[in-house]
Amino acid sequence: MPATLLEPHTFTVDEYHALAEAGILCEDSRVELIDGIITAMSPVGAAHIACVNRLTRLFNRIGLALDDAFVVSVQNPVRLGPKQEPEPDIALLRPMTEVRVPEAADALLVIEVADATLATDRAVKAPRYAAAGVPEVWIVNLPDKQIEVYRRPGANGYLETRVAAPGESLRFAALPDASEVRVSDMLGM
């Protein structure tokens, strides 16, 4: 009799949510759903926390100046498809009137703050954001003190990438009227 290879079970977003509703996953579980696999998230360190707080403050100020043109969502899920629900550090979302988990179409900009997670954010999360059509992703690269900018999503990743260093400023593409944000301010320099 030939050997049978067992296939791992992957979860849909609905099954993932059912696990939370059943109490199997709790609010404090630091996990996200990537390719149908419940993936542990890296513990956050002091530099990561400070950066997320700094970005939250900066983008809330910009949003207020634009009459709340977007919502700053901090470390909350964004549904990318039936088997993808990552939790980016910051997501700038279109204002929503209904109560639901935001989807890729709601995202104007997704920001991942990366220290220990840099390789995963680049090789795993960014391509999934692109495939889902998130228009822009910034990876705040804490070790190298720079911001990686990914724009123009395609099926195989982002078609436009660049690196911004301290001394430069960035404006996110979805809201060209928004004020520029200095890289050094985002990095806390």
Protein backbone atom coordinates (compact mmCIF):
# COMPACT_ATOMS: atom_id res chain seq x y z
CA MET A 1 0.00 0.00 0.00
CA PRO A 2 1.51 3.39 -0.98
CA ALA A 3 2.34 5.88 1.73
CA THR A 4 -0.09 8.74 2.16
CA LEU A 5 1.11 12.24 2.76
CA LEU A 6 -1.04 14.12 5.21
CA GLU A 7 -2.11 17.62 4.28
CA PRO A 8 -2.22 20.17 7.07
CA HIS A 9 -5.59 21.81 7.68
CA THR A 10 -5.71 25.47 6.83
CA PHE A 11 -8.34 27.77 8.27
CA THR A 12 -10.60 30.25 6.58
CA VAL A 13 -11.05 33.65 8.15
CA ASP A 14 -14.54 32.57 9.27
CA GLU A 15 -13.17 29.44 10.98
CA TYR A 16 -10.45 31.55 12.57
CA HIS A 17 -13.08 33.89 14.00
CA ALA A 18 -15.13 30.89 15.18
CA LEU A 19 -12.09 29.72 17.19
CA ALA A 20 -12.08 33.11 18.94
CA GLU A 21 -15.84 32.99 19.54
CA ALA A 22 -15.46 29.51 21.04
CA GLY A 23 -12.78 30.79 23.41
CA ILE A 24 -10.00 28.72 21.85
CA LEU A 25 -8.25 31.92 20.80
CA CYS A 26 -8.60 34.83 23.18
CA GLU A 27 -8.22 38.57 22.70
CA ASP A 28 -4.73 38.39 24.19
CA SER A 29 -3.58 35.67 21.76
CA ARG A 30 -0.83 37.27 19.68
CA VAL A 31 -1.64 35.49 16.43
CA GLU A 32 -2.68 36.33 12.89
CA LEU A 33 -3.93 34.28 9.95
CA ILE A 34 -1.47 33.98 7.05
CA ASP A 35 -2.20 31.55 4.19
CA GLY A 36 -4.78 29.84 6.39
CA ILE A 37 -2.20 29.11 9.10
CA ILE A 38 -2.58 30.59 12.56
CA THR A 39 0.81 32.22 13.01
CA ALA A 40 2.33 33.45 16.26
CA MET A 41 3.30 37.10 16.23
CA SER A 42 6.67 38.17 17.54
CA PRO A 43 6.76 39.79 20.99
CA VAL A 44 7.07 43.55 20.76
CA GLY A 45 10.01 45.37 22.29
CA ALA A 46 10.36 48.90 23.61
CA ALA A 47 11.59 50.40 20.30
CA HIS A 48 8.69 48.82 18.42
CA ILE A 49 6.14 50.11 20.95
CA ALA A 50 7.63 53.63 20.86
CA CYS A 51 7.54 53.68 17.06
CA VAL A 52 3.92 52.50 16.84
CA ASN A 53 2.90 55.15 19.38
CA ARG A 54 4.83 57.83 17.49
CA LEU A 55 3.23 56.83 14.16
CA THR A 56 -0.22 56.78 15.73
CA ARG A 57 0.25 60.33 17.00
CA LEU A 58 1.66 61.59 13.68
CA PHE A 59 -1.07 60.09 11.52
CA ASN A 60 -3.88 61.11 13.86
CA ARG A 61 -2.68 64.73 13.50
CA ILE A 62 -2.63 64.44 9.72
CA GLY A 63 -6.09 62.84 9.70
CA LEU A 64 -7.53 65.63 11.82
CA ALA A 65 -6.08 68.24 9.47
CA LEU A 66 -7.85 66.49 6.57
CA ASP A 67 -11.25 66.45 8.31
CA ASP A 68 -10.91 62.79 9.28
CA ALA A 69 -10.26 61.61 5.71
CA PHE A 70 -9.00 58.32 7.15
CA VAL A 71 -9.06 56.27 10.34
CA VAL A 72 -5.83 55.24 12.06
CA SER A 73 -6.22 51.58 13.01
CA VAL A 74 -3.55 50.32 15.40
CA GLN A 75 -2.59 46.64 15.51
CA ASN A 76 -6.00 45.50 14.29
CA PRO A 77 -6.80 42.94 11.60
CA VAL A 78 -7.30 43.64 7.92
CA ARG A 79 -8.99 40.87 5.93
CA LEU A 80 -7.09 40.26 2.71
CA GLY A 81 -9.04 37.27 1.46
CA PRO A 82 -10.64 34.02 2.60
CA LYS A 83 -7.45 32.76 4.30
CA GLN A 84 -5.57 35.98 5.11
CA GLU A 85 -6.09 38.26 8.09
CA PRO A 86 -2.83 39.86 9.21
CA GLU A 87 -2.65 42.50 11.94
CA PRO A 88 -0.50 45.35 10.65
CA ASP A 89 0.97 47.76 13.16
CA ILE A 90 -0.84 50.70 11.55
CA ALA A 91 -3.48 50.79 8.83
CA LEU A 92 -4.86 54.02 7.44
CA LEU A 93 -8.39 53.11 6.44
CA ARG A 94 -11.23 54.77 4.60
CA PRO A 95 -13.91 55.74 7.13
CA MET A 96 -16.47 52.92 7.40
CA THR A 97 -20.12 53.28 8.36
CA GLU A 98 -20.80 49.61 9.10
CA VAL A 99 -19.29 47.52 11.89
CA ARG A 100 -17.03 44.87 10.33
CA VAL A 101 -13.42 43.83 10.02
CA PRO A 102 -11.72 46.14 7.46
CA GLU A 103 -10.77 44.58 4.14
CA ALA A 104 -7.97 45.29 1.67
CA ALA A 105 -10.25 47.65 -0.30
CA ASP A 106 -10.64 49.79 2.85
CA ALA A 107 -6.88 50.27 3.28
CA LEU A 108 -5.16 53.38 1.99
CA LEU A 109 -1.78 52.58 3.57
CA VAL A 110 -0.52 49.72 5.71
CA ILE A 111 2.54 50.17 7.91
CA GLU A 112 4.57 47.36 9.46
CA VAL A 113 7.13 48.31 12.10
CA ALA A 114 9.95 45.83 11.72
CA ASP A 115 12.82 44.87 13.92
CA ALA A 116 12.88 41.11 14.51
CA THR A 117 10.12 40.68 11.88
CA LEU A 118 11.85 42.44 8.98
CA ALA A 119 12.35 39.32 6.82
CA THR A 120 8.76 38.17 7.37
CA ASP A 121 7.32 41.61 6.69
CA ARG A 122 9.23 41.80 3.38
CA ALA A 123 8.93 38.23 2.12
CA VAL A 124 5.56 37.14 3.52
CA LYS A 125 3.32 40.04 4.43
CA ALA A 126 4.15 42.62 1.72
CA PRO A 127 3.44 40.20 -1.17
CA ARG A 128 0.10 39.25 0.40
CA TYR A 129 -0.87 42.90 0.81
CA ALA A 130 0.04 43.42 -2.88
CA ALA A 131 -1.94 40.39 -4.07
CA ALA A 132 -4.98 41.69 -2.16
CA GLY A 133 -4.64 45.14 -3.76
CA VAL A 134 -3.52 47.23 -0.78
CA PRO A 135 -2.24 50.31 -2.66
CA GLU A 136 0.73 51.11 -0.46
CA VAL A 137 2.81 49.51 2.29
CA TRP A 138 5.56 51.08 4.36
CA ILE A 139 7.95 48.92 6.35
CA VAL A 140 9.58 50.95 9.10
CA ASN A 141 12.95 49.22 9.18
CA LEU A 142 14.17 49.95 12.70
CA PRO A 143 17.55 48.15 12.47
CA ASP A 144 18.62 50.07 9.34
CA LYS A 145 16.84 53.33 10.33
CA GLN A 146 14.93 53.69 7.05
CA ILE A 147 11.47 53.28 5.59
CA GLU A 148 10.83 50.88 2.74
CA VAL A 149 8.01 52.10 0.50
CA TYR A 150 6.02 49.68 -1.65
CA ARG A 151 3.49 51.01 -4.20
CA ARG A 152 1.50 49.83 -7.22
CA PRO A 153 0.37 46.36 -6.18
CA GLY A 154 0.48 43.46 -8.59
CA ALA A 155 -0.20 39.74 -8.37
CA ASN A 156 3.47 38.99 -7.67
CA GLY A 157 4.29 41.93 -5.40
CA TYR A 158 4.67 45.67 -5.60
CA LEU A 159 5.83 47.15 -8.89
CA GLU A 160 7.38 50.24 -7.32
CA THR A 161 9.72 50.16 -4.32
CA ARG A 162 12.06 52.66 -2.77
CA VAL A 163 13.89 53.31 0.46
CA ALA A 164 13.54 56.61 2.33
CA ALA A 165 16.22 57.68 4.81
CA PRO A 166 16.34 60.31 7.56
CA GLY A 167 16.36 63.74 5.96
CA GLU A 168 13.67 62.71 3.47
CA SER A 169 9.89 63.05 3.72
CA LEU A 170 7.09 60.80 2.52
CA ARG A 171 3.55 61.45 1.38
CA PHE A 172 1.17 58.55 0.98
CA ALA A 173 -0.15 58.12 -2.53
CA ALA A 174 -3.85 57.64 -1.73
CA LEU A 175 -4.13 61.12 -0.20
CA PRO A 176 -1.76 63.42 -2.08
CA ASP A 177 -3.16 66.45 -0.22
CA ALA A 178 -1.97 65.04 3.09
CA SER A 179 1.04 66.71 4.58
CA GLU A 180 4.41 65.05 4.21
CA VAL A 181 5.78 63.03 7.08
CA ARG A 182 9.48 63.29 7.83
CA VAL A 183 11.27 59.93 7.99
CA SER A 184 13.25 61.15 11.00
CA ASP A 185 9.98 61.91 12.85
CA MET A 186 8.70 58.39 12.14
CA LEU A 187 11.98 56.89 13.33
CA GLY A 188 12.16 59.12 16.41
CA MET A 189 15.46 60.74 15.42
